[in-house]
Amino acid sequence: MDKLANTSHVRQVFVRHAFRYWMGRNETYSDSPTLIAADKAYVENGGSMKALLASLLSSDSFLYRKDHALGN
């Protein structure tokens, strides 16, 4: 379990799931910069969930999201 927990792939899956939860949708290719920045914030802050969320919630993907229920 420790080996898995310390891999970049597992960390990126975690970041991707956080993205999906907070954005309410799956990521697209155009969300790549947001995911990269969120992963970087998470790593640079010692695995801080606060840093990860701050990065996600201040990203263009979040700030300029469209309401899919309205078709916008």
PDB file of N, CA and C in Angstrom:
ATOM      1  N   MET A   1       0.823  -1.167   0.000  1.00  0.00           N
ATOM      2  CA  MET A   1       0.000   0.000   0.000  1.00  0.00           C
ATOM      3  C   MET A   1       0.885   1.254   0.000  1.00  0.00           C
ATOM      4  N   ASP A   2       1.986   1.216   0.731  1.00  0.00           N
ATOM      5  CA  ASP A   2       2.878   2.377   0.761  1.00  0.00           C
ATOM      6  C   ASP A   2       3.459   2.675  -0.612  1.00  0.00           C
ATOM      7  N   LYS A   3       3.816   1.610  -1.359  1.00  0.00           N
ATOM      8  CA  LYS A   3       4.361   1.806  -2.705  1.00  0.00           C
ATOM      9  C   LYS A   3       3.343   2.507  -3.598  1.00  0.00           C
ATOM     10  N   LEU A   4       2.099   2.065  -3.543  1.00  0.00           N
ATOM     11  CA  LEU A   4       1.049   2.707  -4.348  1.00  0.00           C
ATOM     12  C   LEU A   4       0.826   4.148  -3.923  1.00  0.00           C
ATOM     13  N   ALA A   5       0.767   4.370  -2.629  1.00  0.00           N
ATOM     14  CA  ALA A   5       0.483   5.712  -2.113  1.00  0.00           C
ATOM     15  C   ALA A   5       1.539   6.729  -2.529  1.00  0.00           C
ATOM     16  N   ASN A   6       2.739   6.261  -2.793  1.00  0.00           N
ATOM     17  CA  ASN A   6       3.832   7.169  -3.132  1.00  0.00           C
ATOM     18  C   ASN A   6       4.115   7.271  -4.620  1.00  0.00           C
ATOM     19  N   THR A   7       3.227   6.774  -5.460  1.00  0.00           N
ATOM     20  CA  THR A   7       3.448   6.870  -6.901  1.00  0.00           C
ATOM     21  C   THR A   7       2.757   8.109  -7.471  1.00  0.00           C
ATOM     22  N   SER A   8       3.339   8.656  -8.506  1.00  0.00           N
ATOM     23  CA  SER A   8       2.749   9.831  -9.142  1.00  0.00           C
ATOM     24  C   SER A   8       1.430   9.483  -9.825  1.00  0.00           C
ATOM     25  N   HIS A   9       1.309   8.260 -10.313  1.00  0.00           N
ATOM     26  CA  HIS A   9       0.064   7.866 -10.989  1.00  0.00           C
ATOM     27  C   HIS A   9      -1.116   7.885 -10.014  1.00  0.00           C
ATOM     28  N   VAL A  10      -0.935   7.324  -8.833  1.00  0.00           N
ATOM     29  CA  VAL A  10      -2.012   7.309  -7.838  1.00  0.00           C
ATOM     30  C   VAL A  10      -2.343   8.731  -7.409  1.00  0.00           C
ATOM     31  N   ARG A  11      -1.332   9.564  -7.232  1.00  0.00           N
ATOM     32  CA  ARG A  11      -1.565  10.967  -6.866  1.00  0.00           C
ATOM     33  C   ARG A  11      -2.375  11.678  -7.944  1.00  0.00           C
ATOM     34  N   GLN A  12      -2.042  11.445  -9.200  1.00  0.00           N
ATOM     35  CA  GLN A  12      -2.763  12.084 -10.295  1.00  0.00           C
ATOM     36  C   GLN A  12      -4.202  11.598 -10.385  1.00  0.00           C
ATOM     37  N   VAL A  13      -4.440  10.335 -10.077  1.00  0.00           N
ATOM     38  CA  VAL A  13      -5.808   9.811 -10.037  1.00  0.00           C
ATOM     39  C   VAL A  13      -6.591  10.530  -8.935  1.00  0.00           C
ATOM     40  N   PHE A  14      -5.962  10.720  -7.791  1.00  0.00           N
ATOM     41  CA  PHE A  14      -6.594  11.439  -6.683  1.00  0.00           C
ATOM     42  C   PHE A  14      -6.953  12.869  -7.093  1.00  0.00           C
ATOM     43  N   VAL A  15      -6.021  13.549  -7.743  1.00  0.00           N
ATOM     44  CA  VAL A  15      -6.262  14.922  -8.202  1.00  0.00           C
ATOM     45  C   VAL A  15      -7.402  14.940  -9.225  1.00  0.00           C
ATOM     46  N   ARG A  16      -7.417  13.981 -10.119  1.00  0.00           N
ATOM     47  CA  ARG A  16      -8.473  13.884 -11.127  1.00  0.00           C
ATOM     48  C   ARG A  16      -9.838  13.671 -10.486  1.00  0.00           C
ATOM     49  N   HIS A  17      -9.899  12.838  -9.465  1.00  0.00           N
ATOM     50  CA  HIS A  17     -11.166  12.614  -8.766  1.00  0.00           C
ATOM     51  C   HIS A  17     -11.626  13.867  -8.024  1.00  0.00           C
ATOM     52  N   ALA A  18     -10.688  14.594  -7.429  1.00  0.00           N
ATOM     53  CA  ALA A  18     -11.043  15.861  -6.780  1.00  0.00           C
ATOM     54  C   ALA A  18     -11.594  16.832  -7.817  1.00  0.00           C
ATOM     55  N   PHE A  19     -10.956  16.892  -8.974  1.00  0.00           N
ATOM     56  CA  PHE A  19     -11.436  17.751 -10.059  1.00  0.00           C
ATOM     57  C   PHE A  19     -12.877  17.381 -10.418  1.00  0.00           C
ATOM     58  N   ARG A  20     -13.123  16.112 -10.630  1.00  0.00           N
ATOM     59  CA  ARG A  20     -14.455  15.661 -11.041  1.00  0.00           C
ATOM     60  C   ARG A  20     -15.506  15.992  -9.989  1.00  0.00           C
ATOM     61  N   TYR A  21     -15.154  15.828  -8.734  1.00  0.00           N
ATOM     62  CA  TYR A  21     -16.104  16.125  -7.654  1.00  0.00           C
ATOM     63  C   TYR A  21     -16.436  17.615  -7.617  1.00  0.00           C
ATOM     64  N   TRP A  22     -15.415  18.443  -7.590  1.00  0.00           N
ATOM     65  CA  TRP A  22     -15.634  19.881  -7.426  1.00  0.00           C
ATOM     66  C   TRP A  22     -16.151  20.552  -8.685  1.00  0.00           C
ATOM     67  N   MET A  23     -15.859  20.015  -9.841  1.00  0.00           N
ATOM     68  CA  MET A  23     -16.354  20.596 -11.085  1.00  0.00           C
ATOM     69  C   MET A  23     -17.706  20.005 -11.487  1.00  0.00           C
ATOM     70  N   GLY A  24     -18.011  18.842 -10.962  1.00  0.00           N
ATOM     71  CA  GLY A  24     -19.268  18.188 -11.290  1.00  0.00           C
ATOM     72  C   GLY A  24     -19.312  17.613 -12.692  1.00  0.00           C
ATOM     73  N   ARG A  25     -18.129  17.314 -13.219  1.00  0.00           N
ATOM     74  CA  ARG A  25     -18.030  16.763 -14.576  1.00  0.00           C
ATOM     75  C   ARG A  25     -16.677  16.095 -14.747  1.00  0.00           C
ATOM     76  N   ASN A  26     -16.561  15.311 -15.806  1.00  0.00           N
ATOM     77  CA  ASN A  26     -15.267  14.728 -16.147  1.00  0.00           C
ATOM     78  C   ASN A  26     -14.378  15.790 -16.782  1.00  0.00           C
ATOM     79  N   GLU A  27     -13.098  15.584 -16.691  1.00  0.00           N
ATOM     80  CA  GLU A  27     -12.143  16.510 -17.289  1.00  0.00           C
ATOM     81  C   GLU A  27     -12.120  16.332 -18.805  1.00  0.00           C
ATOM     82  N   THR A  28     -11.725  17.388 -19.483  1.00  0.00           N
ATOM     83  CA  THR A  28     -11.525  17.357 -20.927  1.00  0.00           C
ATOM     84  C   THR A  28     -10.076  17.724 -21.208  1.00  0.00           C
ATOM     85  N   TYR A  29      -9.705  17.616 -22.465  1.00  0.00           N
ATOM     86  CA  TYR A  29      -8.331  17.963 -22.846  1.00  0.00           C
ATOM     87  C   TYR A  29      -8.006  19.407 -22.465  1.00  0.00           C
ATOM     88  N   SER A  30      -8.970  20.304 -22.592  1.00  0.00           N
ATOM     89  CA  SER A  30      -8.721  21.718 -22.286  1.00  0.00           C
ATOM     90  C   SER A  30      -8.524  21.961 -20.788  1.00  0.00           C
ATOM     91  N   ASP A  31      -8.830  20.978 -19.953  1.00  0.00           N
ATOM     92  CA  ASP A  31      -8.619  21.104 -18.504  1.00  0.00           C
ATOM     93  C   ASP A  31      -7.217  20.690 -18.080  1.00  0.00           C
ATOM     94  N   SER A  32      -6.393  20.291 -19.013  1.00  0.00           N
ATOM     95  CA  SER A  32      -5.034  19.839 -18.687  1.00  0.00           C
ATOM     96  C   SER A  32      -4.253  20.837 -17.843  1.00  0.00           C
ATOM     97  N   PRO A  33      -4.246  22.137 -18.210  1.00  0.00           N
ATOM     98  CA  PRO A  33      -3.493  23.085 -17.373  1.00  0.00           C
ATOM     99  C   PRO A  33      -4.009  23.150 -15.934  1.00  0.00           C
ATOM    100  N   THR A  34      -5.307  23.018 -15.750  1.00  0.00           N
ATOM    101  CA  THR A  34      -5.890  23.033 -14.413  1.00  0.00           C
ATOM    102  C   THR A  34      -5.424  21.829 -13.611  1.00  0.00           C
ATOM    103  N   LEU A  35      -5.426  20.654 -14.231  1.00  0.00           N
ATOM    104  CA  LEU A  35      -5.006  19.439 -13.543  1.00  0.00           C
ATOM    105  C   LEU A  35      -3.517  19.473 -13.203  1.00  0.00           C
ATOM    106  N   ILE A  36      -2.727  19.987 -14.115  1.00  0.00           N
ATOM    107  CA  ILE A  36      -1.279  20.103 -13.872  1.00  0.00           C
ATOM    108  C   ILE A  36      -1.014  21.062 -12.722  1.00  0.00           C
ATOM    109  N   ALA A  37      -1.697  22.202 -12.716  1.00  0.00           N
ATOM    110  CA  ALA A  37      -1.514  23.193 -11.654  1.00  0.00           C
ATOM    111  C   ALA A  37      -1.986  22.649 -10.305  1.00  0.00           C
ATOM    112  N   ALA A  38      -3.091  21.918 -10.302  1.00  0.00           N
ATOM    113  CA  ALA A  38      -3.604  21.341  -9.056  1.00  0.00           C
ATOM    114  C   ALA A  38      -2.641  20.311  -8.503  1.00  0.00           C
ATOM    115  N   ASP A  39      -2.101  19.460  -9.368  1.00  0.00           N
ATOM    116  CA  ASP A  39      -1.127  18.462  -8.946  1.00  0.00           C
ATOM    117  C   ASP A  39       0.119  19.143  -8.393  1.00  0.00           C
ATOM    118  N   LYS A  40       0.574  20.171  -9.070  1.00  0.00           N
ATOM    119  CA  LYS A  40       1.757  20.908  -8.626  1.00  0.00           C
ATOM    120  C   LYS A  40       1.519  21.549  -7.260  1.00  0.00           C
ATOM    121  N   ALA A  41       0.361  22.170  -7.077  1.00  0.00           N
ATOM    122  CA  ALA A  41       0.033  22.795  -5.798  1.00  0.00           C
ATOM    123  C   ALA A  41       0.001  21.752  -4.678  1.00  0.00           C
ATOM    124  N   TYR A  42      -0.575  20.605  -4.982  1.00  0.00           N
ATOM    125  CA  TYR A  42      -0.664  19.520  -4.003  1.00  0.00           C
ATOM    126  C   TYR A  42       0.734  19.055  -3.583  1.00  0.00           C
ATOM    127  N   VAL A  43       1.595  18.828  -4.557  1.00  0.00           N
ATOM    128  CA  VAL A  43       2.952  18.342  -4.278  1.00  0.00           C
ATOM    129  C   VAL A  43       3.785  19.396  -3.552  1.00  0.00           C
ATOM    130  N   GLU A  44       3.753  20.623  -4.047  1.00  0.00           N
ATOM    131  CA  GLU A  44       4.586  21.689  -3.468  1.00  0.00           C
ATOM    132  C   GLU A  44       4.172  22.072  -2.049  1.00  0.00           C
ATOM    133  N   ASN A  45       2.978  21.703  -1.658  1.00  0.00           N
ATOM    134  CA  ASN A  45       2.494  22.032  -0.318  1.00  0.00           C
ATOM    135  C   ASN A  45       2.382  20.788   0.565  1.00  0.00           C
ATOM    136  N   GLY A  46       3.182  19.790   0.242  1.00  0.00           N
ATOM    137  CA  GLY A  46       3.286  18.610   1.084  1.00  0.00           C
ATOM    138  C   GLY A  46       2.028  17.770   1.161  1.00  0.00           C
ATOM    139  N   GLY A  47       1.260  17.730   0.089  1.00  0.00           N
ATOM    140  CA  GLY A  47       0.037  16.940   0.077  1.00  0.00           C
ATOM    141  C   GLY A  47      -1.137  17.648   0.721  1.00  0.00           C
ATOM    142  N   SER A  48      -1.144  18.958   0.627  1.00  0.00           N
ATOM    143  CA  SER A  48      -2.203  19.758   1.240  1.00  0.00           C
ATOM    144  C   SER A  48      -3.479  19.743   0.403  1.00  0.00           C
ATOM    145  N   MET A  49      -4.561  19.253   1.003  1.00  0.00           N
ATOM    146  CA  MET A  49      -5.859  19.277   0.332  1.00  0.00           C
ATOM    147  C   MET A  49      -6.320  20.717   0.140  1.00  0.00           C
ATOM    148  N   LYS A  50      -5.999  21.584   1.093  1.00  0.00           N
ATOM    149  CA  LYS A  50      -6.369  23.001   0.970  1.00  0.00           C
ATOM    150  C   LYS A  50      -5.713  23.626  -0.258  1.00  0.00           C
ATOM    151  N   ALA A  51      -4.446  23.336  -0.479  1.00  0.00           N
ATOM    152  CA  ALA A  51      -3.736  23.874  -1.642  1.00  0.00           C
ATOM    153  C   ALA A  51      -4.322  23.319  -2.935  1.00  0.00           C
ATOM    154  N   LEU A  52      -4.659  22.039  -2.936  1.00  0.00           N
ATOM    155  CA  LEU A  52      -5.267  21.418  -4.104  1.00  0.00           C
ATOM    156  C   LEU A  52      -6.598  22.091  -4.421  1.00  0.00           C
ATOM    157  N   LEU A  53      -7.450  22.264  -3.422  1.00  0.00           N
ATOM    158  CA  LEU A  53      -8.754  22.897  -3.647  1.00  0.00           C
ATOM    159  C   LEU A  53      -8.624  24.358  -4.043  1.00  0.00           C
ATOM    160  N   ALA A  54      -7.705  25.073  -3.431  1.00  0.00           N
ATOM    161  CA  ALA A  54      -7.493  26.472  -3.801  1.00  0.00           C
ATOM    162  C   ALA A  54      -7.095  26.582  -5.261  1.00  0.00           C
ATOM    163  N   SER A  55      -6.254  25.672  -5.705  1.00  0.00           N
ATOM    164  CA  SER A  55      -5.836  25.663  -7.103  1.00  0.00           C
ATOM    165  C   SER A  55      -7.013  25.360  -8.024  1.00  0.00           C
ATOM    166  N   LEU A  56      -7.791  24.342  -7.683  1.00  0.00           N
ATOM    167  CA  LEU A  56      -8.945  23.983  -8.513  1.00  0.00           C
ATOM    168  C   LEU A  56      -9.988  25.094  -8.559  1.00  0.00           C
ATOM    169  N   LEU A  57     -10.302  25.655  -7.397  1.00  0.00           N
ATOM    170  CA  LEU A  57     -11.392  26.626  -7.319  1.00  0.00           C
ATOM    171  C   LEU A  57     -11.006  28.028  -7.793  1.00  0.00           C
ATOM    172  N   SER A  58      -9.742  28.227  -8.083  1.00  0.00           N
ATOM    173  CA  SER A  58      -9.313  29.506  -8.650  1.00  0.00           C
ATOM    174  C   SER A  58      -8.893  29.352 -10.117  1.00  0.00           C
ATOM    175  N   SER A  59      -9.130  28.164 -10.667  1.00  0.00           N
ATOM    176  CA  SER A  59      -8.732  27.885 -12.053  1.00  0.00           C
ATOM    177  C   SER A  59      -9.761  28.411 -13.054  1.00  0.00           C
ATOM    178  N   ASP A  60      -9.324  28.583 -14.283  1.00  0.00           N
ATOM    179  CA  ASP A  60     -10.251  28.976 -15.351  1.00  0.00           C
ATOM    180  C   ASP A  60     -11.332  27.924 -15.552  1.00  0.00           C
ATOM    181  N   SER A  61     -10.990  26.661 -15.346  1.00  0.00           N
ATOM    182  CA  SER A  61     -11.976  25.583 -15.509  1.00  0.00           C
ATOM    183  C   SER A  61     -13.153  25.771 -14.556  1.00  0.00           C
ATOM    184  N   PHE A  62     -12.880  26.282 -13.361  1.00  0.00           N
ATOM    185  CA  PHE A  62     -13.947  26.515 -12.388  1.00  0.00           C
ATOM    186  C   PHE A  62     -14.597  27.881 -12.585  1.00  0.00           C
ATOM    187  N   LEU A  63     -13.776  28.898 -12.745  1.00  0.00           N
ATOM    188  CA  LEU A  63     -14.304  30.266 -12.826  1.00  0.00           C
ATOM    189  C   LEU A  63     -15.148  30.512 -14.065  1.00  0.00           C
ATOM    190  N   TYR A  64     -14.824  29.842 -15.152  1.00  0.00           N
ATOM    191  CA  TYR A  64     -15.540  30.057 -16.408  1.00  0.00           C
ATOM    192  C   TYR A  64     -16.332  28.826 -16.835  1.00  0.00           C
ATOM    193  N   ARG A  65     -16.760  28.034 -15.836  1.00  0.00           N
ATOM    194  CA  ARG A  65     -17.530  26.824 -16.141  1.00  0.00           C
ATOM    195  C   ARG A  65     -18.907  27.196 -16.681  1.00  0.00           C
ATOM    196  N   LYS A  66     -19.476  26.266 -17.399  1.00  0.00           N
ATOM    197  CA  LYS A  66     -20.795  26.480 -17.982  1.00  0.00           C
ATOM    198  C   LYS A  66     -21.806  25.612 -17.257  1.00  0.00           C
ATOM    199  N   ASP A  67     -23.024  26.078 -17.192  1.00  0.00           N
ATOM    200  CA  ASP A  67     -24.086  25.315 -16.584  1.00  0.00           C
ATOM    201  C   ASP A  67     -24.612  24.331 -17.616  1.00  0.00           C
ATOM    202  N   HIS A  68     -24.190  23.070 -17.491  1.00  0.00           N
ATOM    203  CA  HIS A  68     -24.568  22.053 -18.469  1.00  0.00           C
ATOM    204  C   HIS A  68     -26.056  21.725 -18.409  1.00  0.00           C
ATOM    205  N   ALA A  69     -26.682  21.946 -17.260  1.00  0.00           N
ATOM    206  CA  ALA A  69     -28.118  21.662 -17.131  1.00  0.00           C
ATOM    207  C   ALA A  69     -28.931  22.615 -18.008  1.00  0.00           C
ATOM    208  N   LEU A  70     -28.421  23.816 -18.212  1.00  0.00           N
ATOM    209  CA  LEU A  70     -29.113  24.799 -19.039  1.00  0.00           C
ATOM    210  C   LEU A  70     -28.652  24.738 -20.485  1.00  0.00           C
ATOM    211  N   GLY A  71     -27.669  23.893 -20.759  1.00  0.00           N
ATOM    212  CA  GLY A  71     -27.146  23.784 -22.113  1.00  0.00           C
ATOM    213  C   GLY A  71     -26.202  24.912 -22.465  1.00  0.00           C
ATOM    214  N   ASN A  72     -25.699  25.629 -21.479  1.00  0.00           N
ATOM    215  CA  ASN A  72     -24.758  26.744 -21.692  1.00  0.00           C
ATOM    216  C   ASN A  72     -23.342  26.290 -21.508  1.00  0.00           C
TER     217      ASN A  72
END
